[in-house]
PDB file of N, CA and C in Angstrom:
ATOM      1  N   MET A   1       1.603   9.324 -12.099  1.00  0.00           N
ATOM      2  CA  MET A   1       1.926  10.339 -11.989  1.00  0.00           C
ATOM      3  C   MET A   1       3.722  10.364 -12.369  1.00  0.00           C
ATOM      4  N   GLU A   2       4.155  11.582 -12.926  1.00  0.00           N
ATOM      5  CA  GLU A   2       5.151  11.784 -13.518  1.00  0.00           C
ATOM      6  C   GLU A   2       6.191  12.115 -12.279  1.00  0.00           C
ATOM      7  N   LEU A   3       7.750  11.358 -12.346  1.00  0.00           N
ATOM      8  CA  LEU A   3       8.478  11.351 -11.158  1.00  0.00           C
ATOM      9  C   LEU A   3       8.456  12.925 -11.117  1.00  0.00           C
ATOM     10  N   LYS A   4       8.866  13.650 -11.779  1.00  0.00           N
ATOM     11  CA  LYS A   4       9.148  15.449 -11.771  1.00  0.00           C
ATOM     12  C   LYS A   4       8.222  15.822 -11.013  1.00  0.00           C
ATOM     13  N   ALA A   5       6.860  15.547 -11.436  1.00  0.00           N
ATOM     14  CA  ALA A   5       5.560  16.244 -10.854  1.00  0.00           C
ATOM     15  C   ALA A   5       5.737  15.743  -8.993  1.00  0.00           C
ATOM     16  N   LEU A   6       5.673  14.653  -8.802  1.00  0.00           N
ATOM     17  CA  LEU A   6       5.809  13.875  -7.574  1.00  0.00           C
ATOM     18  C   LEU A   6       6.949  14.329  -6.780  1.00  0.00           C
ATOM     19  N   LEU A   7       8.262  14.709  -7.272  1.00  0.00           N
ATOM     20  CA  LEU A   7       9.240  15.622  -6.517  1.00  0.00           C
ATOM     21  C   LEU A   7       8.872  17.008  -6.277  1.00  0.00           C
ATOM     22  N   HIS A   8       8.351  17.672  -7.390  1.00  0.00           N
ATOM     23  CA  HIS A   8       7.821  18.850  -6.650  1.00  0.00           C
ATOM     24  C   HIS A   8       6.737  18.752  -5.832  1.00  0.00           C
ATOM     25  N   GLN A   9       6.037  17.943  -5.631  1.00  0.00           N
ATOM     26  CA  GLN A   9       4.994  17.669  -4.636  1.00  0.00           C
ATOM     27  C   GLN A   9       5.825  17.383  -3.489  1.00  0.00           C
ATOM     28  N   TYR A  10       6.749  16.778  -3.325  1.00  0.00           N
ATOM     29  CA  TYR A  10       7.522  16.329  -2.217  1.00  0.00           C
ATOM     30  C   TYR A  10       8.449  17.589  -1.464  1.00  0.00           C
ATOM     31  N   ILE A  11       9.050  18.339  -2.881  1.00  0.00           N
ATOM     32  CA  ILE A  11       9.617  19.319  -2.113  1.00  0.00           C
ATOM     33  C   ILE A  11       8.862  20.836  -1.528  1.00  0.00           C
ATOM     34  N   GLN A  12       7.222  20.984  -2.193  1.00  0.00           N
ATOM     35  CA  GLN A  12       6.157  21.828  -1.153  1.00  0.00           C
ATOM     36  C   GLN A  12       5.953  21.081   0.268  1.00  0.00           C
ATOM     37  N   ASN A  13       6.126  19.675   0.355  1.00  0.00           N
ATOM     38  CA  ASN A  13       5.659  18.687   1.065  1.00  0.00           C
ATOM     39  C   ASN A  13       6.329  17.700   1.654  1.00  0.00           C
ATOM     40  N   PRO A  14       7.651  17.818   2.185  1.00  0.00           N
ATOM     41  CA  PRO A  14       8.256  16.592   2.473  1.00  0.00           C
ATOM     42  C   PRO A  14       7.615  15.434   3.378  1.00  0.00           C
ATOM     43  N   ARG A  15       6.747  16.086   4.398  1.00  0.00           N
ATOM     44  CA  ARG A  15       6.037  14.881   5.303  1.00  0.00           C
ATOM     45  C   ARG A  15       4.581  14.525   4.455  1.00  0.00           C
ATOM     46  N   ASP A  16       4.056  14.966   3.857  1.00  0.00           N
ATOM     47  CA  ASP A  16       2.969  14.324   3.158  1.00  0.00           C
ATOM     48  C   ASP A  16       3.228  12.789   2.914  1.00  0.00           C
ATOM     49  N   ILE A  17       2.294  11.832   3.642  1.00  0.00           N
ATOM     50  CA  ILE A  17       2.744  10.252   3.218  1.00  0.00           C
ATOM     51  C   ILE A  17       2.046   9.844   2.039  1.00  0.00           C
ATOM     52  N   ARG A  18       1.288  10.341   1.832  1.00  0.00           N
ATOM     53  CA  ARG A  18       0.787  10.262   0.025  1.00  0.00           C
ATOM     54  C   ARG A  18       1.844  10.003  -0.868  1.00  0.00           C
ATOM     55  N   VAL A  19       2.471  11.397  -0.766  1.00  0.00           N
ATOM     56  CA  VAL A  19       3.479  11.977  -1.602  1.00  0.00           C
ATOM     57  C   VAL A  19       4.823  11.046  -1.512  1.00  0.00           C
ATOM     58  N   ASN A  20       5.461  10.768  -0.023  1.00  0.00           N
ATOM     59  CA  ASN A  20       6.102   9.844   0.029  1.00  0.00           C
ATOM     60  C   ASN A  20       6.055   8.132  -0.710  1.00  0.00           C
ATOM     61  N   PHE A  21       4.772   7.722  -0.306  1.00  0.00           N
ATOM     62  CA  PHE A  21       4.472   6.258  -0.893  1.00  0.00           C
ATOM     63  C   PHE A  21       4.560   6.346  -1.978  1.00  0.00           C
ATOM     64  N   ASP A  22       4.201   7.515  -2.868  1.00  0.00           N
ATOM     65  CA  ASP A  22       3.911   7.352  -4.479  1.00  0.00           C
ATOM     66  C   ASP A  22       5.291   7.405  -4.864  1.00  0.00           C
ATOM     67  N   LEU A  23       5.953   8.409  -4.288  1.00  0.00           N
ATOM     68  CA  LEU A  23       7.472   8.186  -4.630  1.00  0.00           C
ATOM     69  C   LEU A  23       8.075   7.375  -4.597  1.00  0.00           C
ATOM     70  N   GLY A  24       7.859   5.990  -3.397  1.00  0.00           N
ATOM     71  CA  GLY A  24       8.419   4.996  -3.158  1.00  0.00           C
ATOM     72  C   GLY A  24       7.996   4.105  -4.567  1.00  0.00           C
ATOM     73  N   TRP A  25       6.723   4.089  -4.574  1.00  0.00           N
ATOM     74  CA  TRP A  25       6.149   3.225  -5.672  1.00  0.00           C
ATOM     75  C   TRP A  25       6.781   3.603  -7.190  1.00  0.00           C
ATOM     76  N   LYS A  26       6.968   5.120  -7.301  1.00  0.00           N
ATOM     77  CA  LYS A  26       7.461   5.094  -8.423  1.00  0.00           C
ATOM     78  C   LYS A  26       9.172   4.714  -8.548  1.00  0.00           C
ATOM     79  N   TYR A  27       9.976   4.705  -7.379  1.00  0.00           N
ATOM     80  CA  TYR A  27      11.220   4.378  -7.888  1.00  0.00           C
ATOM     81  C   TYR A  27      10.882   2.856  -7.497  1.00  0.00           C
ATOM     82  N   GLU A  28      10.228   2.137  -6.635  1.00  0.00           N
ATOM     83  CA  GLU A  28      10.330   0.744  -7.133  1.00  0.00           C
ATOM     84  C   GLU A  28      10.115   0.239  -8.385  1.00  0.00           C
ATOM     85  N   GLN A  29       9.113   0.766  -9.389  1.00  0.00           N
ATOM     86  CA  GLN A  29       9.316   0.544 -10.773  1.00  0.00           C
ATOM     87  C   GLN A  29      10.339   0.530 -11.430  1.00  0.00           C
ATOM     88  N   MET A  30      10.764   1.746 -11.139  1.00  0.00           N
ATOM     89  CA  MET A  30      12.338   2.089 -11.905  1.00  0.00           C
ATOM     90  C   MET A  30      13.464   0.803 -11.599  1.00  0.00           C
ATOM     91  N   GLY A  31      12.850   0.145 -10.350  1.00  0.00           N
ATOM     92  CA  GLY A  31      14.230  -0.517  -9.973  1.00  0.00           C
ATOM     93  C   GLY A  31      15.099  -0.051  -9.233  1.00  0.00           C
ATOM     94  N   GLN A  32      14.861   0.960  -8.399  1.00  0.00           N
ATOM     95  CA  GLN A  32      15.613   1.519  -7.555  1.00  0.00           C
ATOM     96  C   GLN A  32      15.074   1.397  -6.080  1.00  0.00           C
ATOM     97  N   THR A  33      15.106   0.057  -5.516  1.00  0.00           N
ATOM     98  CA  THR A  33      14.654  -0.390  -4.439  1.00  0.00           C
ATOM     99  C   THR A  33      14.947   0.596  -3.727  1.00  0.00           C
ATOM    100  N   ALA A  34      16.213   0.907  -3.269  1.00  0.00           N
ATOM    101  CA  ALA A  34      17.203   1.531  -1.824  1.00  0.00           C
ATOM    102  C   ALA A  34      16.500   2.742  -1.782  1.00  0.00           C
ATOM    103  N   SER A  35      16.233   3.543  -2.998  1.00  0.00           N
ATOM    104  CA  SER A  35      15.570   4.919  -2.848  1.00  0.00           C
ATOM    105  C   SER A  35      13.813   4.465  -2.607  1.00  0.00           C
ATOM    106  N   ALA A  36      13.292   3.802  -3.263  1.00  0.00           N
ATOM    107  CA  ALA A  36      11.969   3.216  -2.844  1.00  0.00           C
ATOM    108  C   ALA A  36      11.940   2.911  -1.168  1.00  0.00           C
ATOM    109  N   CYS A  37      12.578   2.033  -0.909  1.00  0.00           N
ATOM    110  CA  CYS A  37      12.674   2.040   0.534  1.00  0.00           C
ATOM    111  C   CYS A  37      12.805   3.153   1.555  1.00  0.00           C
ATOM    112  N   GLY A  38      13.699   4.239   1.106  1.00  0.00           N
ATOM    113  CA  GLY A  38      13.604   5.192   1.625  1.00  0.00           C
ATOM    114  C   GLY A  38      12.250   6.341   2.070  1.00  0.00           C
ATOM    115  N   PHE A  39      11.758   6.377   0.952  1.00  0.00           N
ATOM    116  CA  PHE A  39      10.544   6.825   0.894  1.00  0.00           C
ATOM    117  C   PHE A  39       9.178   6.171   1.369  1.00  0.00           C
ATOM    118  N   TYR A  40       9.424   4.735   1.207  1.00  0.00           N
ATOM    119  CA  TYR A  40       8.409   4.079   1.941  1.00  0.00           C
ATOM    120  C   TYR A  40       8.253   3.822   3.714  1.00  0.00           C
ATOM    121  N   LEU A  41       9.479   4.317   4.312  1.00  0.00           N
ATOM    122  CA  LEU A  41      10.247   4.219   5.475  1.00  0.00           C
ATOM    123  C   LEU A  41       9.637   6.033   5.767  1.00  0.00           C
ATOM    124  N   ARG A  42       9.579   6.774   5.236  1.00  0.00           N
ATOM    125  CA  ARG A  42       8.887   8.048   5.356  1.00  0.00           C
ATOM    126  C   ARG A  42       7.603   7.900   5.693  1.00  0.00           C
ATOM    127  N   ALA A  43       6.835   7.440   5.030  1.00  0.00           N
ATOM    128  CA  ALA A  43       5.300   6.912   4.560  1.00  0.00           C
ATOM    129  C   ALA A  43       5.139   6.757   5.957  1.00  0.00           C
ATOM    130  N   THR A  44       6.006   5.590   6.537  1.00  0.00           N
ATOM    131  CA  THR A  44       5.241   4.857   7.795  1.00  0.00           C
ATOM    132  C   THR A  44       5.324   5.797   8.937  1.00  0.00           C
ATOM    133  N   GLU A  45       6.822   6.699   8.815  1.00  0.00           N
ATOM    134  CA  GLU A  45       7.221   7.867  10.092  1.00  0.00           C
ATOM    135  C   GLU A  45       6.285   8.753  10.327  1.00  0.00           C
ATOM    136  N   PHE A  46       5.926   9.306   8.844  1.00  0.00           N
ATOM    137  CA  PHE A  46       4.681  10.199   9.198  1.00  0.00           C
ATOM    138  C   PHE A  46       3.483  10.064   8.920  1.00  0.00           C
ATOM    139  N   GLY A  47       3.168   8.672   8.966  1.00  0.00           N
ATOM    140  CA  GLY A  47       1.705   8.355   8.764  1.00  0.00           C
ATOM    141  C   GLY A  47       0.992   8.538   9.802  1.00  0.00           C
ATOM    142  N   TYR A  48      -0.545   8.956   9.425  1.00  0.00           N
ATOM    143  CA  TYR A  48      -1.861   8.403  10.325  1.00  0.00           C
ATOM    144  C   TYR A  48      -2.803   7.603   9.716  1.00  0.00           C
ATOM    145  N   ASP A  49      -2.457   6.842   8.328  1.00  0.00           N
ATOM    146  CA  ASP A  49      -3.322   6.613   7.590  1.00  0.00           C
ATOM    147  C   ASP A  49      -2.784   4.591   8.144  1.00  0.00           C
ATOM    148  N   ILE A  50      -3.492   3.943   8.990  1.00  0.00           N
ATOM    149  CA  ILE A  50      -2.574   2.873   9.217  1.00  0.00           C
ATOM    150  C   ILE A  50      -2.505   1.747   8.194  1.00  0.00           C
ATOM    151  N   GLU A  51      -3.695   1.567   7.424  1.00  0.00           N
ATOM    152  CA  GLU A  51      -3.540   0.598   5.793  1.00  0.00           C
ATOM    153  C   GLU A  51      -2.368   1.425   4.725  1.00  0.00           C
ATOM    154  N   LEU A  52      -1.899   2.806   4.818  1.00  0.00           N
ATOM    155  CA  LEU A  52      -0.998   3.200   4.038  1.00  0.00           C
ATOM    156  C   LEU A  52       0.443   2.655   4.656  1.00  0.00           C
ATOM    157  N   GLN A  53       0.496   2.890   6.159  1.00  0.00           N
ATOM    158  CA  GLN A  53       1.698   2.262   6.815  1.00  0.00           C
ATOM    159  C   GLN A  53       1.963   0.662   6.626  1.00  0.00           C
ATOM    160  N   TYR A  54       1.029   0.315   6.770  1.00  0.00           N
ATOM    161  CA  TYR A  54       0.946  -1.273   6.390  1.00  0.00           C
ATOM    162  C   TYR A  54       1.689  -1.469   5.314  1.00  0.00           C
ATOM    163  N   GLU A  55       0.985  -1.168   4.184  1.00  0.00           N
ATOM    164  CA  GLU A  55       1.344  -1.101   3.089  1.00  0.00           C
ATOM    165  C   GLU A  55       2.828  -0.681   2.388  1.00  0.00           C
ATOM    166  N   ALA A  56       3.167   0.511   3.112  1.00  0.00           N
ATOM    167  CA  ALA A  56       4.402   0.803   2.675  1.00  0.00           C
ATOM    168  C   ALA A  56       5.400  -0.421   3.936  1.00  0.00           C
ATOM    169  N   LEU A  57       5.017  -0.945   4.380  1.00  0.00           N
ATOM    170  CA  LEU A  57       5.942  -2.000   4.965  1.00  0.00           C
ATOM    171  C   LEU A  57       6.059  -3.118   4.359  1.00  0.00           C
ATOM    172  N   LEU A  58       5.118  -3.571   4.026  1.00  0.00           N
ATOM    173  CA  LEU A  58       5.053  -4.435   2.618  1.00  0.00           C
ATOM    174  C   LEU A  58       5.774  -4.274   1.268  1.00  0.00           C
ATOM    175  N   ARG A  59       5.708  -3.218   1.205  1.00  0.00           N
ATOM    176  CA  ARG A  59       6.703  -2.779  -0.076  1.00  0.00           C
ATOM    177  C   ARG A  59       7.614  -2.467   0.301  1.00  0.00           C
ATOM    178  N   MET A  60       8.282  -2.221   1.193  1.00  0.00           N
ATOM    179  CA  MET A  60       9.413  -2.057   2.053  1.00  0.00           C
ATOM    180  C   MET A  60      10.023  -3.520   1.657  1.00  0.00           C
ATOM    181  N   ALA A  61       9.172  -4.494   2.122  1.00  0.00           N
ATOM    182  CA  ALA A  61       9.828  -6.090   1.868  1.00  0.00           C
ATOM    183  C   ALA A  61      10.085  -6.645   1.052  1.00  0.00           C
ATOM    184  N   ILE A  62       9.226  -6.141  -0.174  1.00  0.00           N
ATOM    185  CA  ILE A  62       9.224  -6.740  -1.588  1.00  0.00           C
ATOM    186  C   ILE A  62      10.541  -6.487  -1.676  1.00  0.00           C
ATOM    187  N   CYS A  63      10.867  -4.930  -1.609  1.00  0.00           N
ATOM    188  CA  CYS A  63      12.148  -4.006  -2.116  1.00  0.00           C
ATOM    189  C   CYS A  63      12.984  -5.144  -1.929  1.00  0.00           C
ATOM    190  N   PHE A  64      13.261  -5.185  -0.143  1.00  0.00           N
ATOM    191  CA  PHE A  64      14.232  -5.934  -0.202  1.00  0.00           C
ATOM    192  C   PHE A  64      14.869  -7.354  -0.551  1.00  0.00           C
ATOM    193  N   GLU A  65      13.764  -8.077  -0.539  1.00  0.00           N
ATOM    194  CA  GLU A  65      13.502  -9.726  -1.366  1.00  0.00           C
ATOM    195  C   GLU A  65      14.314  -9.087  -2.810  1.00  0.00           C
ATOM    196  N   LYS A  66      13.782  -8.174  -3.540  1.00  0.00           N
ATOM    197  CA  LYS A  66      14.622  -8.472  -4.777  1.00  0.00           C
ATOM    198  C   LYS A  66      15.708  -7.950  -4.466  1.00  0.00           C
ATOM    199  N   GLN A  67      16.244  -7.145  -3.511  1.00  0.00           N
ATOM    200  CA  GLN A  67      17.743  -7.112  -3.650  1.00  0.00           C
ATOM    201  C   GLN A  67      18.487  -8.505  -3.385  1.00  0.00           C
ATOM    202  N   GLY A  68      17.738  -9.285  -2.465  1.00  0.00           N
ATOM    203  CA  GLY A  68      18.257 -10.551  -2.473  1.00  0.00           C
ATOM    204  C   GLY A  68      19.156 -10.826  -1.200  1.00  0.00           C
ATOM    205  N   SER A  69      19.376 -11.783  -0.652  1.00  0.00           N
ATOM    206  CA  SER A  69      20.185 -12.002   0.651  1.00  0.00           C
ATOM    207  C   SER A  69      19.853 -10.806   1.522  1.00  0.00           C
ATOM    208  N   ARG A  70      18.363 -10.508   2.289  1.00  0.00           N
ATOM    209  CA  ARG A  70      18.589  -9.949   2.929  1.00  0.00           C
ATOM    210  C   ARG A  70      16.894 -10.415   3.388  1.00  0.00           C
ATOM    211  N   TRP A  71      16.908 -11.535   4.077  1.00  0.00           N
ATOM    212  CA  TRP A  71      16.165 -12.549   4.456  1.00  0.00           C
ATOM    213  C   TRP A  71      15.517 -12.083   5.907  1.00  0.00           C
ATOM    214  N   PHE A  72      15.876 -11.810   6.582  1.00  0.00           N
ATOM    215  CA  PHE A  72      15.874 -11.078   7.804  1.00  0.00           C
ATOM    216  C   PHE A  72      15.313 -10.018   7.996  1.00  0.00           C
ATOM    217  N   MET A  73      15.650  -9.161   7.066  1.00  0.00           N
ATOM    218  CA  MET A  73      15.045  -7.643   7.131  1.00  0.00           C
ATOM    219  C   MET A  73      13.526  -8.256   6.700  1.00  0.00           C
ATOM    220  N   VAL A  74      13.545  -8.625   5.556  1.00  0.00           N
ATOM    221  CA  VAL A  74      12.118  -8.992   5.027  1.00  0.00           C
ATOM    222  C   VAL A  74      11.512  -9.843   6.096  1.00  0.00           C
ATOM    223  N   LYS A  75      11.617 -10.766   6.540  1.00  0.00           N
ATOM    224  CA  LYS A  75      11.119 -11.225   8.131  1.00  0.00           C
ATOM    225  C   LYS A  75      10.610 -10.264   9.087  1.00  0.00           C
ATOM    226  N   GLY A  76      11.693  -9.439   9.315  1.00  0.00           N
ATOM    227  CA  GLY A  76      10.878  -8.420  10.116  1.00  0.00           C
ATOM    228  C   GLY A  76      10.125  -7.510   9.634  1.00  0.00           C
ATOM    229  N   LEU A  77       9.988  -6.987   8.745  1.00  0.00           N
ATOM    230  CA  LEU A  77       9.197  -5.931   8.051  1.00  0.00           C
ATOM    231  C   LEU A  77       7.684  -6.843   7.880  1.00  0.00           C
ATOM    232  N   ILE A  78       7.548  -8.072   7.729  1.00  0.00           N
ATOM    233  CA  ILE A  78       6.202  -8.614   7.331  1.00  0.00           C
ATOM    234  C   ILE A  78       5.705  -8.807   8.796  1.00  0.00           C
ATOM    235  N   GLN A  79       6.747  -9.170  10.106  1.00  0.00           N
ATOM    236  CA  GLN A  79       6.234  -9.586  11.378  1.00  0.00           C
ATOM    237  C   GLN A  79       5.460  -8.161  11.999  1.00  0.00           C
TER     238      GLN A  79
END
């Protein structure tokens, strides 16, 4: 889905975990790992789908690994 459409969905319902996760994925694909982590974190905080929450945590770990020198954060997220 296009970023603009995802942002419109986010504006309509900022606590929707699927929209937050999809925005995180979109920003990660664009190389914007800090923004991606913010949306992944929101997906875990508002989540009710345990598998999606775990996937968001793992995606956050991958984003921090891409940033480099964040090994303690990566380890903590994976644990």
